Amino acid sequence: MFAVYAKEPNAEDPLASLVVGDRPDPEVPDGFVTVAVKAASLNMHDLWTLRGVGIKPEQFPMILGCDGAGVLEDGSEVVLHSVVNAPDWQGDDTLDPKRTLLTEKHQGTFADHVVVPRRNVLPKPAGLSFAEAATMGTAWLTAYRMLFVKSGLRPGQTLLVQGASGGVSTALVQLGRAAGFRVWVTGRSESKRALAESLGAHQTFESGARLPERVDAVFETVGKATWSHSIKSLKPGGIIVVSGATSGPDAHAELQRVFFLQLRVAGSTMGTRDELAGLLSYVDLAGIRPQIGAELPLEEAAQGFTDMLGGATAGKIVFTR
């Protein structure tokens, strides 16, 4: 079958490991189902896989793609949940010590077909296109959990999103605006800030700019480059919810501010199957549609990877079949 995969880990030149070609048709273990992929979205996790982060060398070659949407053999249209749990796990899917994501142990979605556990498929809302639904399982689910499960915010409070154009950031803006929060966003360029405003941000600021007032919560996916600004932007008792560190993890902790102002730091990773079901219902009811920056045929996946590596994104990059 046709697929886009990583042939080997390459920390220094990840795109050199990217192959667009053929892979064997997948086997279907008991309890698994085959999904004919119609659309799959690109995530930073795919670049980390090319670098060999979070995956053992013996797992290569690995078909990339953490999430997607497609059709079961009976014609049912489905959205994929990317977190694969141990068969006997009970509780929060994200806390299972044996959990994996697609592309870590199981082959991913950038292919004609993907095989996943039966519980990892959910009905696709009729109002979402396959391309829109393909953005839900990773970036949008991450944003949903950060905002509605981890932050503790109430409608009317103010949040700051660090970074204006990535998949999680754009989802946070759209979800936050629809839920009644005052949404502020930082961005490195005028065009990225304009994108955030078009998606519902109430105000945007240059990266590192002094804000008109402190905020109730900051949502972090950038890490080292923005961490100090995030700490300084919080009200006493405020919270930082962090789900990534694309600019590097080794930020200065600024512990004096943390303890003196009684700030809280909460980590957040992906989301549960039930949270994905809630997200799908929410966007359908609210009429929210994800920002898709580029929609490319899977055969042109290399261009999407190049754009993401260079930071040339304006929402999600989606590959279609």
C-alpha atoms as a PDB file:
ATOM      1  CA  MET A   1       0.000   0.000   0.000  1.00  0.00           C
ATOM      2  CA  PHE A   2       1.028   3.621  -0.473  1.00  0.00           C
ATOM      3  CA  ALA A   3       2.526   5.239   2.655  1.00  0.00           C
ATOM      4  CA  VAL A   4       4.736   8.017   4.004  1.00  0.00           C
ATOM      5  CA  TYR A   5       7.236   6.665   6.500  1.00  0.00           C
ATOM      6  CA  ALA A   6      10.465   7.176   8.410  1.00  0.00           C
ATOM      7  CA  LYS A   7      13.111   4.742   7.234  1.00  0.00           C
ATOM      8  CA  GLU A   8      15.450   5.347  10.199  1.00  0.00           C
ATOM      9  CA  PRO A   9      16.081   7.888  12.978  1.00  0.00           C
ATOM     10  CA  ASN A  10      17.995  10.998  11.924  1.00  0.00           C
ATOM     11  CA  ALA A  11      18.418  13.563  14.685  1.00  0.00           C
ATOM     12  CA  GLU A  12      20.432  16.042  12.612  1.00  0.00           C
ATOM     13  CA  ASP A  13      18.515  15.946   9.313  1.00  0.00           C
ATOM     14  CA  PRO A  14      15.060  14.497   9.950  1.00  0.00           C
ATOM     15  CA  LEU A  15      13.724  15.073   6.442  1.00  0.00           C
ATOM     16  CA  ALA A  16      16.493  12.883   5.034  1.00  0.00           C
ATOM     17  CA  SER A  17      14.745   9.946   6.725  1.00  0.00           C
ATOM     18  CA  LEU A  18      11.367  10.665   5.105  1.00  0.00           C
ATOM     19  CA  VAL A  19      10.229   8.257   2.386  1.00  0.00           C
ATOM     20  CA  VAL A  20       7.159   8.491   0.168  1.00  0.00           C
ATOM     21  CA  GLY A  21       6.539   5.045  -1.292  1.00  0.00           C
ATOM     22  CA  ASP A  22       5.101   1.610  -0.605  1.00  0.00           C
ATOM     23  CA  ARG A  23       4.816  -0.506   2.537  1.00  0.00           C
ATOM     24  CA  PRO A  24       3.329  -3.976   3.082  1.00  0.00           C
ATOM     25  CA  ASP A  25      -0.404  -4.200   3.743  1.00  0.00           C
ATOM     26  CA  PRO A  26      -1.017  -4.351   7.512  1.00  0.00           C
ATOM     27  CA  GLU A  27      -2.076  -7.464   9.404  1.00  0.00           C
ATOM     28  CA  VAL A  28      -5.193  -7.177  11.572  1.00  0.00           C
ATOM     29  CA  PRO A  29      -4.838  -8.673  15.078  1.00  0.00           C
ATOM     30  CA  ASP A  30      -7.861  -9.770  17.096  1.00  0.00           C
ATOM     31  CA  GLY A  31      -9.703  -6.767  18.513  1.00  0.00           C
ATOM     32  CA  PHE A  32      -8.344  -4.421  15.831  1.00  0.00           C
ATOM     33  CA  VAL A  33     -10.088  -2.866  12.840  1.00  0.00           C
ATOM     34  CA  THR A  34      -8.900  -1.596   9.463  1.00  0.00           C
ATOM     35  CA  VAL A  35      -9.604   2.025   8.550  1.00  0.00           C
ATOM     36  CA  ALA A  36      -9.337   3.283   4.968  1.00  0.00           C
ATOM     37  CA  VAL A  37      -7.708   6.654   5.567  1.00  0.00           C
ATOM     38  CA  LYS A  38      -9.367   9.642   3.907  1.00  0.00           C
ATOM     39  CA  ALA A  39      -7.399  12.396   5.659  1.00  0.00           C
ATOM     40  CA  ALA A  40      -4.606  12.634   8.225  1.00  0.00           C
ATOM     41  CA  SER A  41      -3.024  15.696   9.806  1.00  0.00           C
ATOM     42  CA  LEU A  42       0.629  16.477  10.397  1.00  0.00           C
ATOM     43  CA  ASN A  43       1.908  17.054  13.937  1.00  0.00           C
ATOM     44  CA  MET A  44       5.211  18.031  15.514  1.00  0.00           C
ATOM     45  CA  HIS A  45       5.273  14.490  16.878  1.00  0.00           C
ATOM     46  CA  ASP A  46       5.934  13.278  13.319  1.00  0.00           C
ATOM     47  CA  LEU A  47       9.095  15.372  13.138  1.00  0.00           C
ATOM     48  CA  TRP A  48      10.200  14.005  16.500  1.00  0.00           C
ATOM     49  CA  THR A  49       9.656  10.482  15.185  1.00  0.00           C
ATOM     50  CA  LEU A  50      11.901  11.234  12.208  1.00  0.00           C
ATOM     51  CA  ARG A  51      14.516  12.379  14.723  1.00  0.00           C
ATOM     52  CA  GLY A  52      14.147   9.143  16.676  1.00  0.00           C
ATOM     53  CA  VAL A  53      12.586  10.682  19.785  1.00  0.00           C
ATOM     54  CA  GLY A  54      10.111   8.465  21.662  1.00  0.00           C
ATOM     55  CA  ILE A  55      10.685   5.463  19.421  1.00  0.00           C
ATOM     56  CA  LYS A  56      13.203   2.620  19.583  1.00  0.00           C
ATOM     57  CA  PRO A  57      15.560   2.127  16.610  1.00  0.00           C
ATOM     58  CA  GLU A  58      14.209  -1.380  16.020  1.00  0.00           C
ATOM     59  CA  GLN A  59      10.720   0.072  15.416  1.00  0.00           C
ATOM     60  CA  PHE A  60      11.825   1.561  12.084  1.00  0.00           C
ATOM     61  CA  PRO A  61      10.672   1.749   9.354  1.00  0.00           C
ATOM     62  CA  MET A  62       7.608   3.466  10.838  1.00  0.00           C
ATOM     63  CA  ILE A  63       4.633   4.840   8.934  1.00  0.00           C
ATOM     64  CA  LEU A  64       4.063   8.366  10.217  1.00  0.00           C
ATOM     65  CA  GLY A  65       0.807  10.072  11.204  1.00  0.00           C
ATOM     66  CA  CYS A  66      -0.681  10.217  14.695  1.00  0.00           C
ATOM     67  CA  ASP A  67      -4.264  10.949  13.800  1.00  0.00           C
ATOM     68  CA  GLY A  68      -6.772  10.861  11.013  1.00  0.00           C
ATOM     69  CA  ALA A  69     -10.259  10.089   9.790  1.00  0.00           C
ATOM     70  CA  GLY A  70     -11.560   7.477   7.413  1.00  0.00           C
ATOM     71  CA  VAL A  71     -13.998   4.678   6.710  1.00  0.00           C
ATOM     72  CA  LEU A  72     -14.434   1.241   8.252  1.00  0.00           C
ATOM     73  CA  GLU A  73     -15.063  -1.826   6.108  1.00  0.00           C
ATOM     74  CA  ASP A  74     -18.814  -1.519   6.807  1.00  0.00           C
ATOM     75  CA  GLY A  75     -18.840   2.075   5.488  1.00  0.00           C
ATOM     76  CA  SER A  76     -18.937   3.822   8.879  1.00  0.00           C
ATOM     77  CA  GLU A  77     -17.142   7.176   8.910  1.00  0.00           C
ATOM     78  CA  VAL A  78     -14.810   7.443  11.901  1.00  0.00           C
ATOM     79  CA  VAL A  79     -12.274   9.611  13.704  1.00  0.00           C
ATOM     80  CA  LEU A  80      -9.202   8.022  15.300  1.00  0.00           C
ATOM     81  CA  HIS A  81      -8.117   8.331  18.920  1.00  0.00           C
ATOM     82  CA  SER A  82      -4.322   8.248  18.842  1.00  0.00           C
ATOM     83  CA  VAL A  83      -3.632   6.965  22.387  1.00  0.00           C
ATOM     84  CA  VAL A  84      -3.317   3.171  22.403  1.00  0.00           C
ATOM     85  CA  ASN A  85      -3.663   1.672  25.875  1.00  0.00           C
ATOM     86  CA  ALA A  86      -2.680  -1.675  27.340  1.00  0.00           C
ATOM     87  CA  PRO A  87      -5.615  -4.095  26.874  1.00  0.00           C
ATOM     88  CA  ASP A  88      -6.248  -4.383  30.630  1.00  0.00           C
ATOM     89  CA  TRP A  89      -5.857  -0.668  31.492  1.00  0.00           C
ATOM     90  CA  GLN A  90      -8.684   1.052  33.360  1.00  0.00           C
ATOM     91  CA  GLY A  91      -8.793   4.764  34.164  1.00  0.00           C
ATOM     92  CA  ASP A  92      -7.489   7.921  32.477  1.00  0.00           C
ATOM     93  CA  ASP A  93      -6.099   6.825  29.105  1.00  0.00           C
ATOM     94  CA  THR A  94      -3.255   9.338  29.327  1.00  0.00           C
ATOM     95  CA  LEU A  95      -1.945   7.965  32.654  1.00  0.00           C
ATOM     96  CA  ASP A  96      -1.460   4.382  31.515  1.00  0.00           C
ATOM     97  CA  PRO A  97       2.302   3.738  31.948  1.00  0.00           C
ATOM     98  CA  LYS A  98       2.163   1.330  28.995  1.00  0.00           C
ATOM     99  CA  ARG A  99       0.300   3.688  26.673  1.00  0.00           C
ATOM    100  CA  THR A 100       1.711   4.535  23.274  1.00  0.00           C
ATOM    101  CA  LEU A 101       0.736   6.825  20.439  1.00  0.00           C
ATOM    102  CA  LEU A 102       0.354   5.759  16.864  1.00  0.00           C
ATOM    103  CA  THR A 103       3.835   5.891  15.259  1.00  0.00           C
ATOM    104  CA  GLU A 104       5.587   4.826  18.478  1.00  0.00           C
ATOM    105  CA  LYS A 105       4.706   1.120  18.455  1.00  0.00           C
ATOM    106  CA  HIS A 106       1.841   0.867  15.986  1.00  0.00           C
ATOM    107  CA  GLN A 107       2.116   2.044  12.387  1.00  0.00           C
ATOM    108  CA  GLY A 108       0.557   5.448  11.651  1.00  0.00           C
ATOM    109  CA  THR A 109      -2.093   7.024   9.458  1.00  0.00           C
ATOM    110  CA  PHE A 110      -0.101   8.396   6.505  1.00  0.00           C
ATOM    111  CA  ALA A 111      -1.092   5.425   4.376  1.00  0.00           C
ATOM    112  CA  ASP A 112      -3.955   3.899   2.434  1.00  0.00           C
ATOM    113  CA  HIS A 113      -4.970   1.923   5.530  1.00  0.00           C
ATOM    114  CA  VAL A 114      -4.269   1.958   9.256  1.00  0.00           C
ATOM    115  CA  VAL A 115      -5.021  -0.788  11.797  1.00  0.00           C
ATOM    116  CA  VAL A 116      -6.062   0.282  15.302  1.00  0.00           C
ATOM    117  CA  PRO A 117      -7.820  -1.226  18.342  1.00  0.00           C
ATOM    118  CA  ARG A 118     -11.608  -1.178  17.933  1.00  0.00           C
ATOM    119  CA  ARG A 119     -12.018   1.238  20.883  1.00  0.00           C
ATOM    120  CA  ASN A 120      -9.804   3.772  19.083  1.00  0.00           C
ATOM    121  CA  VAL A 121     -12.404   4.652  16.467  1.00  0.00           C
ATOM    122  CA  LEU A 122     -15.260   7.080  17.161  1.00  0.00           C
ATOM    123  CA  PRO A 123     -18.125   8.139  14.897  1.00  0.00           C
ATOM    124  CA  LYS A 124     -17.319  11.159  12.728  1.00  0.00           C
ATOM    125  CA  PRO A 125     -19.865  13.973  13.041  1.00  0.00           C
ATOM    126  CA  ALA A 126     -21.636  14.435   9.729  1.00  0.00           C
ATOM    127  CA  GLY A 127     -20.968  18.181   9.878  1.00  0.00           C
ATOM    128  CA  LEU A 128     -17.184  17.732   9.796  1.00  0.00           C
ATOM    129  CA  SER A 129     -15.332  16.954   6.581  1.00  0.00           C
ATOM    130  CA  PHE A 130     -12.726  14.205   6.681  1.00  0.00           C
ATOM    131  CA  ALA A 131      -9.975  16.854   6.578  1.00  0.00           C
ATOM    132  CA  GLU A 132     -11.512  18.750   9.504  1.00  0.00           C
ATOM    133  CA  ALA A 133     -12.084  15.569  11.498  1.00  0.00           C
ATOM    134  CA  ALA A 134      -8.471  14.524  10.911  1.00  0.00           C
ATOM    135  CA  THR A 135      -7.243  17.452  13.017  1.00  0.00           C
ATOM    136  CA  MET A 136      -9.228  16.459  16.104  1.00  0.00           C
ATOM    137  CA  GLY A 137      -7.316  13.494  17.538  1.00  0.00           C
ATOM    138  CA  THR A 138      -4.052  15.197  18.491  1.00  0.00           C
ATOM    139  CA  ALA A 139      -3.879  19.002  18.286  1.00  0.00           C
ATOM    140  CA  TRP A 140      -7.523  19.739  19.043  1.00  0.00           C
ATOM    141  CA  LEU A 141      -7.821  17.047  21.695  1.00  0.00           C
ATOM    142  CA  THR A 142      -4.673  18.407  23.366  1.00  0.00           C
ATOM    143  CA  ALA A 143      -6.160  21.911  23.368  1.00  0.00           C
ATOM    144  CA  TYR A 144      -9.531  20.659  24.661  1.00  0.00           C
ATOM    145  CA  ARG A 145      -7.935  18.880  27.620  1.00  0.00           C
ATOM    146  CA  MET A 146      -5.662  21.836  28.411  1.00  0.00           C
ATOM    147  CA  LEU A 147      -8.569  24.261  28.421  1.00  0.00           C
ATOM    148  CA  PHE A 148     -11.500  22.324  29.864  1.00  0.00           C
ATOM    149  CA  VAL A 149      -9.874  19.624  32.018  1.00  0.00           C
ATOM    150  CA  LYS A 150      -6.619  21.118  33.298  1.00  0.00           C
ATOM    151  CA  SER A 151      -6.969  24.898  33.536  1.00  0.00           C
ATOM    152  CA  GLY A 152      -9.943  25.320  35.863  1.00  0.00           C
ATOM    153  CA  LEU A 153     -10.856  28.569  34.077  1.00  0.00           C
ATOM    154  CA  ARG A 154     -14.363  30.013  34.140  1.00  0.00           C
ATOM    155  CA  PRO A 155     -16.035  31.908  31.283  1.00  0.00           C
ATOM    156  CA  GLY A 156     -15.158  35.589  31.461  1.00  0.00           C
ATOM    157  CA  GLN A 157     -11.583  35.022  32.610  1.00  0.00           C
ATOM    158  CA  THR A 158      -8.531  35.903  30.529  1.00  0.00           C
ATOM    159  CA  LEU A 159      -6.133  33.449  28.959  1.00  0.00           C
ATOM    160  CA  LEU A 160      -2.909  33.909  27.009  1.00  0.00           C
ATOM    161  CA  VAL A 161      -1.875  31.552  24.222  1.00  0.00           C
ATOM    162  CA  GLN A 162       1.852  31.590  23.495  1.00  0.00           C
ATOM    163  CA  GLY A 163       2.284  31.245  19.741  1.00  0.00           C
ATOM    164  CA  ALA A 164      -0.311  32.155  17.172  1.00  0.00           C
ATOM    165  CA  SER A 165      -0.273  29.724  14.279  1.00  0.00           C
ATOM    166  CA  GLY A 166       0.375  26.140  15.369  1.00  0.00           C
ATOM    167  CA  GLY A 167      -2.304  23.466  15.495  1.00  0.00           C
ATOM    168  CA  VAL A 168      -2.752  23.459  19.289  1.00  0.00           C
ATOM    169  CA  SER A 169      -2.575  27.262  19.459  1.00  0.00           C
ATOM    170  CA  THR A 170      -5.223  27.850  16.802  1.00  0.00           C
ATOM    171  CA  ALA A 171      -7.455  25.256  18.462  1.00  0.00           C
ATOM    172  CA  LEU A 172      -7.074  26.997  21.825  1.00  0.00           C
ATOM    173  CA  VAL A 173      -8.089  30.311  20.276  1.00  0.00           C
ATOM    174  CA  GLN A 174     -11.191  28.891  18.627  1.00  0.00           C
ATOM    175  CA  LEU A 175     -12.277  26.780  21.597  1.00  0.00           C
ATOM    176  CA  GLY A 176     -11.569  29.546  24.092  1.00  0.00           C
ATOM    177  CA  ARG A 177     -13.502  32.191  22.169  1.00  0.00           C
ATOM    178  CA  ALA A 178     -16.493  29.883  21.719  1.00  0.00           C
ATOM    179  CA  ALA A 179     -16.490  29.047  25.456  1.00  0.00           C
ATOM    180  CA  GLY A 180     -16.642  32.680  26.570  1.00  0.00           C
ATOM    181  CA  PHE A 181     -13.051  33.367  27.646  1.00  0.00           C
ATOM    182  CA  ARG A 182     -11.156  36.533  26.837  1.00  0.00           C
ATOM    183  CA  VAL A 183      -8.433  35.265  24.520  1.00  0.00           C
ATOM    184  CA  TRP A 184      -5.045  36.950  24.135  1.00  0.00           C
ATOM    185  CA  VAL A 185      -2.335  35.594  21.848  1.00  0.00           C
ATOM    186  CA  THR A 186       1.347  36.277  21.172  1.00  0.00           C
ATOM    187  CA  GLY A 187       2.867  35.845  17.723  1.00  0.00           C
ATOM    188  CA  ARG A 188       6.238  36.392  16.084  1.00  0.00           C
ATOM    189  CA  SER A 189       4.902  38.091  12.964  1.00  0.00           C
ATOM    190  CA  GLU A 190       2.098  40.399  11.949  1.00  0.00           C
ATOM    191  CA  SER A 191       0.620  37.724   9.684  1.00  0.00           C
ATOM    192  CA  LYS A 192       0.521  35.147  12.485  1.00  0.00           C
ATOM    193  CA  ARG A 193      -1.128  37.628  14.828  1.00  0.00           C
ATOM    194  CA  ALA A 194      -3.659  38.509  12.127  1.00  0.00           C
ATOM    195  CA  LEU A 195      -4.483  34.815  11.787  1.00  0.00           C
ATOM    196  CA  ALA A 196      -5.164  34.567  15.534  1.00  0.00           C
ATOM    197  CA  GLU A 197      -7.453  37.601  15.377  1.00  0.00           C
ATOM    198  CA  SER A 198      -9.354  36.139  12.438  1.00  0.00           C
ATOM    199  CA  LEU A 199      -9.965  33.001  14.526  1.00  0.00           C
ATOM    200  CA  GLY A 200     -11.388  34.946  17.444  1.00  0.00           C
ATOM    201  CA  ALA A 201      -8.527  36.316  19.556  1.00  0.00           C
ATOM    202  CA  HIS A 202      -9.626  39.491  21.337  1.00  0.00           C
ATOM    203  CA  GLN A 203      -6.102  40.950  21.310  1.00  0.00           C
ATOM    204  CA  THR A 204      -2.713  39.919  19.976  1.00  0.00           C
ATOM    205  CA  PHE A 205       0.784  40.974  20.969  1.00  0.00           C
ATOM    206  CA  GLU A 206       4.347  40.605  19.761  1.00  0.00           C
ATOM    207  CA  SER A 207       6.242  37.767  21.396  1.00  0.00           C
ATOM    208  CA  GLY A 208       7.520  38.868  24.801  1.00  0.00           C
ATOM    209  CA  ALA A 209       5.489  42.087  24.848  1.00  0.00           C
ATOM    210  CA  ARG A 210       4.289  43.565  28.116  1.00  0.00           C
ATOM    211  CA  LEU A 211       0.571  42.869  28.478  1.00  0.00           C
ATOM    212  CA  PRO A 212      -2.042  45.448  29.540  1.00  0.00           C
ATOM    213  CA  GLU A 213      -2.709  43.345  32.635  1.00  0.00           C
ATOM    214  CA  ARG A 214      -1.868  39.928  34.007  1.00  0.00           C
ATOM    215  CA  VAL A 215      -3.906  36.918  32.956  1.00  0.00           C
ATOM    216  CA  ASP A 216      -5.615  34.039  34.729  1.00  0.00           C
ATOM    217  CA  ALA A 217      -3.927  31.312  32.686  1.00  0.00           C
ATOM    218  CA  VAL A 218      -1.193  30.843  30.103  1.00  0.00           C
ATOM    219  CA  PHE A 219      -1.178  27.994  27.597  1.00  0.00           C
ATOM    220  CA  GLU A 220       2.339  26.888  26.700  1.00  0.00           C
ATOM    221  CA  THR A 221       3.548  24.773  23.808  1.00  0.00           C
ATOM    222  CA  VAL A 222       6.720  26.754  23.015  1.00  0.00           C
ATOM    223  CA  GLY A 223       8.887  26.202  26.086  1.00  0.00           C
ATOM    224  CA  LYS A 224      12.250  27.855  26.606  1.00  0.00           C
ATOM    225  CA  ALA A 225      11.692  30.864  24.335  1.00  0.00           C
ATOM    226  CA  THR A 226       8.475  31.996  26.040  1.00  0.00           C
ATOM    227  CA  TRP A 227       8.580  30.505  29.541  1.00  0.00           C
ATOM    228  CA  SER A 228       9.848  33.592  31.372  1.00  0.00           C
ATOM    229  CA  HIS A 229       7.216  35.746  29.686  1.00  0.00           C
ATOM    230  CA  SER A 230       4.546  33.220  30.652  1.00  0.00           C
ATOM    231  CA  ILE A 231       5.555  33.306  34.324  1.00  0.00           C
ATOM    232  CA  LYS A 232       5.633  37.115  34.371  1.00  0.00           C
ATOM    233  CA  SER A 233       2.237  37.353  32.648  1.00  0.00           C
ATOM    234  CA  LEU A 234       0.285  35.460  35.337  1.00  0.00           C
ATOM    235  CA  LYS A 235      -1.846  36.893  38.103  1.00  0.00           C
ATOM    236  CA  PRO A 236      -1.089  35.673  41.634  1.00  0.00           C
ATOM    237  CA  GLY A 237      -2.580  32.203  41.901  1.00  0.00           C
ATOM    238  CA  GLY A 238      -2.676  31.799  38.110  1.00  0.00           C
ATOM    239  CA  ILE A 239      -1.875  28.656  36.172  1.00  0.00           C
ATOM    240  CA  ILE A 240       0.366  27.672  33.277  1.00  0.00           C
ATOM    241  CA  VAL A 241      -0.841  24.645  31.339  1.00  0.00           C
ATOM    242  CA  VAL A 242       2.002  23.193  29.296  1.00  0.00           C
ATOM    243  CA  SER A 243       1.736  20.488  26.638  1.00  0.00           C
ATOM    244  CA  GLY A 244       4.941  21.008  24.675  1.00  0.00           C
ATOM    245  CA  ALA A 245       8.298  22.698  24.384  1.00  0.00           C
ATOM    246  CA  THR A 246       9.047  23.163  20.701  1.00  0.00           C
ATOM    247  CA  SER A 247      11.831  25.705  21.364  1.00  0.00           C
ATOM    248  CA  GLY A 248      13.528  23.515  23.965  1.00  0.00           C
ATOM    249  CA  PRO A 249      12.686  22.166  27.423  1.00  0.00           C
ATOM    250  CA  ASP A 250      15.444  23.758  29.520  1.00  0.00           C
ATOM    251  CA  ALA A 251      13.718  26.985  30.543  1.00  0.00           C
ATOM    252  CA  HIS A 252      14.693  28.869  33.728  1.00  0.00           C
ATOM    253  CA  ALA A 253      12.136  27.787  36.326  1.00  0.00           C
ATOM    254  CA  GLU A 254      11.816  31.207  38.021  1.00  0.00           C
ATOM    255  CA  LEU A 255      10.917  29.432  41.245  1.00  0.00           C
ATOM    256  CA  GLN A 256      10.862  32.620  43.314  1.00  0.00           C
ATOM    257  CA  ARG A 257       7.923  33.937  41.300  1.00  0.00           C
ATOM    258  CA  VAL A 258       6.250  30.528  41.387  1.00  0.00           C
ATOM    259  CA  PHE A 259       6.213  30.219  45.167  1.00  0.00           C
ATOM    260  CA  PHE A 260       5.843  33.900  46.078  1.00  0.00           C
ATOM    261  CA  LEU A 261       2.853  34.412  43.742  1.00  0.00           C
ATOM    262  CA  GLN A 262       1.531  30.886  44.378  1.00  0.00           C
ATOM    263  CA  LEU A 263       1.523  30.073  40.684  1.00  0.00           C
ATOM    264  CA  ARG A 264       0.548  26.643  39.429  1.00  0.00           C
ATOM    265  CA  VAL A 265       2.112  24.621  36.625  1.00  0.00           C
ATOM    266  CA  ALA A 266       0.082  21.770  35.118  1.00  0.00           C
ATOM    267  CA  GLY A 267       1.304  19.326  32.519  1.00  0.00           C
ATOM    268  CA  SER A 268      -1.105  18.040  29.910  1.00  0.00           C
ATOM    269  CA  THR A 269      -0.668  15.280  27.331  1.00  0.00           C
ATOM    270  CA  MET A 270      -3.180  14.405  24.617  1.00  0.00           C
ATOM    271  CA  GLY A 271      -6.585  13.395  26.017  1.00  0.00           C
ATOM    272  CA  THR A 272      -8.849  10.452  26.722  1.00  0.00           C
ATOM    273  CA  ARG A 273     -11.254   8.705  24.389  1.00  0.00           C
ATOM    274  CA  ASP A 274     -14.179  10.194  26.322  1.00  0.00           C
ATOM    275  CA  GLU A 275     -12.653  13.683  26.002  1.00  0.00           C
ATOM    276  CA  LEU A 276     -12.323  13.188  22.243  1.00  0.00           C
ATOM    277  CA  ALA A 277     -16.004  12.207  22.120  1.00  0.00           C
ATOM    278  CA  GLY A 278     -16.817  15.393  24.064  1.00  0.00           C
ATOM    279  CA  LEU A 279     -14.682  17.491  21.721  1.00  0.00           C
ATOM    280  CA  LEU A 280     -16.362  16.085  18.619  1.00  0.00           C
ATOM    281  CA  SER A 281     -19.778  16.784  20.088  1.00  0.00           C
ATOM    282  CA  TYR A 282     -18.747  20.303  21.161  1.00  0.00           C
ATOM    283  CA  VAL A 283     -17.366  21.441  17.795  1.00  0.00           C
ATOM    284  CA  ASP A 284     -20.386  19.976  16.041  1.00  0.00           C
ATOM    285  CA  LEU A 285     -22.881  21.698  18.354  1.00  0.00           C
ATOM    286  CA  ALA A 286     -20.997  25.005  18.384  1.00  0.00           C
ATOM    287  CA  GLY A 287     -20.388  25.041  14.637  1.00  0.00           C
ATOM    288  CA  ILE A 288     -16.620  25.383  15.148  1.00  0.00           C
ATOM    289  CA  ARG A 289     -14.435  24.424  12.199  1.00  0.00           C
ATOM    290  CA  PRO A 290     -10.682  23.942  12.584  1.00  0.00           C
ATOM    291  CA  GLN A 291      -8.231  26.225  10.831  1.00  0.00           C
ATOM    292  CA  ILE A 292      -6.586  24.219   8.050  1.00  0.00           C
ATOM    293  CA  GLY A 293      -3.540  26.034   6.775  1.00  0.00           C
ATOM    294  CA  ALA A 294      -2.777  23.637   3.933  1.00  0.00           C
ATOM    295  CA  GLU A 295      -4.492  20.606   2.440  1.00  0.00           C
ATOM    296  CA  LEU A 296      -2.174  18.465   0.331  1.00  0.00           C
ATOM    297  CA  PRO A 297      -2.442  15.060  -1.324  1.00  0.00           C
ATOM    298  CA  LEU A 298      -0.452  12.472   0.609  1.00  0.00           C
ATOM    299  CA  GLU A 299       1.901  12.165  -2.375  1.00  0.00           C
ATOM    300  CA  GLU A 300       3.077  15.737  -1.584  1.00  0.00           C
ATOM    301  CA  ALA A 301       3.720  15.049   2.105  1.00  0.00           C
ATOM    302  CA  ALA A 302       7.361  16.150   1.867  1.00  0.00           C
ATOM    303  CA  GLN A 303       6.215  19.727   1.227  1.00  0.00           C
ATOM    304  CA  GLY A 304       4.088  19.681   4.366  1.00  0.00           C
ATOM    305  CA  PHE A 305       6.989  18.407   6.452  1.00  0.00           C
ATOM    306  CA  THR A 306       9.269  21.088   5.014  1.00  0.00           C
ATOM    307  CA  ASP A 307       6.758  23.821   5.867  1.00  0.00           C
ATOM    308  CA  MET A 308       6.315  22.582   9.439  1.00  0.00           C
ATOM    309  CA  LEU A 309      10.065  22.296  10.013  1.00  0.00           C
ATOM    310  CA  GLY A 310      10.497  25.871   8.758  1.00  0.00           C
ATOM    311  CA  GLY A 311       7.653  27.235  10.872  1.00  0.00           C
ATOM    312  CA  ALA A 312       5.613  28.153   7.784  1.00  0.00           C
ATOM    313  CA  THR A 313       2.257  27.118   9.227  1.00  0.00           C
ATOM    314  CA  ALA A 314      -1.096  28.887   9.425  1.00  0.00           C
ATOM    315  CA  GLY A 315      -3.128  26.206  11.164  1.00  0.00           C
ATOM    316  CA  LYS A 316      -3.129  22.461  10.571  1.00  0.00           C
ATOM    317  CA  ILE A 317      -1.453  20.776   7.620  1.00  0.00           C
ATOM    318  CA  VAL A 318      -3.673  17.948   6.369  1.00  0.00           C
ATOM    319  CA  PHE A 319      -2.883  15.178   3.898  1.00  0.00           C
ATOM    320  CA  THR A 320      -5.746  13.643   1.926  1.00  0.00           C
ATOM    321  CA  ARG A 321      -6.317  10.451  -0.051  1.00  0.00           C
END
